[in-house]
N, C-alpha and C. Protein backbone atom coordinates (compact mmCIF):
# COMPACT_ATOMS: atom_id res chain seq x y z
N UNK A 1 0.81 -1.37 -0.04
CA UNK A 1 0.08 -0.32 -0.07
C UNK A 1 1.12 1.14 -0.60
N UNK A 2 0.39 1.94 -0.97
CA UNK A 2 1.37 3.44 -0.87
C UNK A 2 0.55 4.82 -0.01
N UNK A 3 1.98 5.33 0.41
CA UNK A 3 1.33 6.07 1.28
C UNK A 3 1.42 7.30 0.61
N UNK A 4 0.15 8.03 1.06
CA UNK A 4 0.11 9.65 0.44
C UNK A 4 1.30 10.49 0.45
N UNK A 5 1.17 11.15 -0.65
CA UNK A 5 2.27 11.91 -0.96
C UNK A 5 1.88 13.25 0.20
N UNK A 6 2.83 13.76 0.99
CA UNK A 6 2.79 15.35 1.83
C UNK A 6 2.18 16.30 1.06
N UNK A 7 1.25 16.99 1.62
CA UNK A 7 0.99 18.20 0.45
C UNK A 7 2.19 18.97 0.32
N UNK A 8 2.33 19.96 -0.94
CA UNK A 8 2.88 20.56 -0.94
C UNK A 8 3.00 22.02 -0.04
N UNK A 9 3.83 22.77 0.29
CA UNK A 9 4.29 23.80 1.58
C UNK A 9 3.51 24.55 1.08
N UNK A 10 2.79 25.20 1.56
CA UNK A 10 1.98 26.72 1.28
C UNK A 10 2.90 27.89 1.42
N UNK A 11 2.95 28.68 0.55
CA UNK A 11 3.64 30.09 0.72
C UNK A 11 3.01 30.57 1.63
N UNK A 12 3.28 31.37 3.06
CA UNK A 12 2.65 32.21 4.04
C UNK A 12 2.71 33.48 2.98
N UNK A 13 4.08 34.12 2.81
CA UNK A 13 3.91 34.97 1.91
C UNK A 13 3.32 35.97 0.63
N UNK A 14 2.91 36.30 0.42
CA UNK A 14 2.38 36.33 -1.04
C UNK A 14 2.60 38.04 -1.31
N UNK A 15 2.93 38.33 -2.24
CA UNK A 15 3.57 39.30 -3.03
C UNK A 15 2.13 40.33 -2.97
N UNK A 16 2.66 41.34 -2.29
CA UNK A 16 1.57 42.53 -2.50
C UNK A 16 1.06 43.16 -3.46
N UNK A 17 -0.65 43.24 -3.72
CA UNK A 17 -0.82 43.61 -4.33
C UNK A 17 -0.93 44.66 -4.92
N UNK A 18 -1.19 45.48 -6.00
CA UNK A 18 -1.20 46.68 -6.05
C UNK A 18 -2.25 47.22 -5.44
N UNK A 19 -2.37 47.90 -4.75
CA UNK A 19 -3.80 48.78 -3.98
C UNK A 19 -4.13 49.67 -4.61
N UNK A 20 -5.45 49.80 -5.12
CA UNK A 20 -6.35 50.88 -5.85
C UNK A 20 -6.47 52.06 -5.11
N UNK A 21 -6.51 53.42 -6.03
CA UNK A 21 -6.69 54.50 -5.54
C UNK A 21 -7.91 55.26 -4.52
N UNK A 22 -8.64 54.02 -4.96
CA UNK A 22 -10.30 54.03 -3.75
C UNK A 22 -9.91 53.64 -2.40
N UNK A 23 -8.72 52.58 -2.67
CA UNK A 23 -8.74 52.20 -1.09
C UNK A 23 -7.51 52.96 -0.33
N UNK A 24 -6.56 53.61 -1.01
CA UNK A 24 -5.72 54.71 -0.59
C UNK A 24 -7.00 56.12 -0.35
N UNK A 25 -7.73 56.60 -1.36
CA UNK A 25 -8.19 57.69 -0.83
C UNK A 25 -9.08 57.28 0.74
N UNK A 26 -9.66 56.15 1.00
CA UNK A 26 -10.79 55.73 1.90
C UNK A 26 -9.75 55.83 3.30
N UNK A 27 -8.45 55.04 2.62
CA UNK A 27 -7.91 55.18 4.28
C UNK A 27 -6.90 56.53 4.65
N UNK A 28 -6.82 57.57 3.48
CA UNK A 28 -6.49 58.80 4.15
C UNK A 28 -7.44 59.57 4.74
N UNK A 29 -9.06 59.11 4.46
CA UNK A 29 -9.83 59.81 5.02
C UNK A 29 -10.30 59.25 6.63
N UNK A 30 -10.21 58.14 6.59
CA UNK A 30 -10.03 57.49 8.06
C UNK A 30 -9.01 58.21 9.01
N UNK A 31 -7.98 58.26 8.38
CA UNK A 31 -6.40 58.78 9.30
C UNK A 31 -7.10 60.50 9.33
N UNK A 32 -7.72 60.92 8.60
CA UNK A 32 -7.90 62.72 8.76
C UNK A 32 -8.87 62.80 9.81
N UNK A 33 -10.26 61.46 9.54
CA UNK A 33 -11.04 61.63 10.82
C UNK A 33 -10.75 61.58 11.85
N UNK A 34 -9.65 60.72 12.17
CA UNK A 34 -8.89 60.16 13.08
C UNK A 34 -8.37 61.51 13.90
N UNK A 35 -7.52 61.91 13.01
CA UNK A 35 -6.68 63.69 13.70
C UNK A 35 -7.62 63.80 13.84
N UNK A 36 -8.75 64.35 13.47
CA UNK A 36 -9.59 65.65 13.84
C UNK A 36 -10.70 65.26 15.07
N UNK A 37 -10.51 63.86 15.25
CA UNK A 37 -11.30 63.93 16.13
C UNK A 37 -10.48 63.82 17.30
N UNK A 38 -9.23 63.36 17.23
CA UNK A 38 -8.09 63.66 18.57
C UNK A 38 -7.90 64.83 18.58
N UNK A 39 -7.83 66.08 17.45
CA UNK A 39 -7.58 67.40 17.54
C UNK A 39 -8.81 67.92 18.44
N UNK A 40 -9.97 67.22 17.93
CA UNK A 40 -10.88 68.34 18.70
C UNK A 40 -11.09 67.99 20.08
N UNK A 41 -10.83 66.85 20.71
CA UNK A 41 -11.07 66.07 21.85
C UNK A 41 -10.13 67.08 22.77
N UNK A 42 -9.03 67.64 21.99
CA UNK A 42 -7.51 68.11 23.07
C UNK A 42 -8.09 69.66 22.85
N UNK A 43 -8.80 69.73 21.95
CA UNK A 43 -9.24 71.53 21.61
C UNK A 43 -10.45 72.04 22.40
N UNK A 44 -11.06 71.11 22.59
CA UNK A 44 -12.73 71.46 23.35
C UNK A 44 -12.53 70.63 24.62
N UNK A 45 -12.73 69.37 24.59
CA UNK A 45 -13.07 68.32 25.80
C UNK A 45 -12.00 68.64 26.80
N UNK A 46 -11.11 68.39 26.55
CA UNK A 46 -10.35 68.49 27.25
C UNK A 46 -10.12 70.01 28.19
N UNK A 47 -9.93 71.10 27.31
CA UNK A 47 -10.09 72.29 28.58
C UNK A 47 -11.38 72.42 29.15
N UNK A 48 -12.16 71.68 28.88
CA UNK A 48 -13.59 71.34 30.08
C UNK A 48 -13.68 71.02 30.97
N UNK A 49 -13.06 69.58 30.67
CA UNK A 49 -12.48 68.68 32.21
C UNK A 49 -11.62 69.45 32.82
N UNK A 50 -10.52 69.98 32.25
CA UNK A 50 -9.81 70.76 33.31
C UNK A 50 -10.26 71.76 34.43
N UNK A 51 -11.04 72.60 33.32
CA UNK A 51 -12.04 73.54 34.11
C UNK A 51 -12.67 73.00 35.10
N UNK A 52 -13.50 72.14 34.81
CA UNK A 52 -14.21 71.95 36.05
C UNK A 52 -13.62 71.43 36.98
N UNK A 53 -12.18 70.36 36.72
CA UNK A 53 -11.80 69.93 37.85
C UNK A 53 -10.71 71.13 38.80
N UNK A 54 -10.40 71.99 38.29
CA UNK A 54 -9.97 73.46 38.32
C UNK A 54 -11.23 74.11 39.63
N UNK A 55 -12.38 74.08 38.99
CA UNK A 55 -13.38 74.61 40.04
C UNK A 55 -13.54 73.99 41.12
N UNK A 56 -13.54 72.39 40.82
CA UNK A 56 -13.98 71.48 41.89
C UNK A 56 -12.94 71.94 43.10
N UNK A 57 -11.91 71.94 42.61
CA UNK A 57 -10.95 72.13 43.76
C UNK A 57 -10.49 72.97 44.41
N UNK A 58 -10.76 74.23 43.89
CA UNK A 58 -11.07 75.70 44.04
C UNK A 58 -11.85 75.73 45.29
N UNK A 59 -13.12 74.96 45.10
CA UNK A 59 -14.47 74.99 46.00
C UNK A 59 -14.38 74.12 47.12
N UNK A 60 -13.25 72.96 46.68
CA UNK A 60 -12.66 72.27 47.89
C UNK A 60 -11.74 73.27 49.38
N UNK A 61 -11.08 73.82 49.16
CA UNK A 61 -9.95 75.21 49.28
C UNK A 61 -10.63 75.87 49.89
N UNK A 62 -11.83 76.37 49.74
CA UNK A 62 -12.89 77.67 50.39
C UNK A 62 -13.43 77.11 51.55
């Protein structure tokens, strides 16, 4: 009885395909939205929280 042949080893690394322009534009938009969200957080929400905390600390000292 013949033994079955071992399956050929599959290559794990595949050469990268050319990325379409639509994918690049989408990735750029997602990146810009993420940067904008972080910027809005630092510009708007964080100072409000710091001011609220400073006011609470000031009230504790009085």
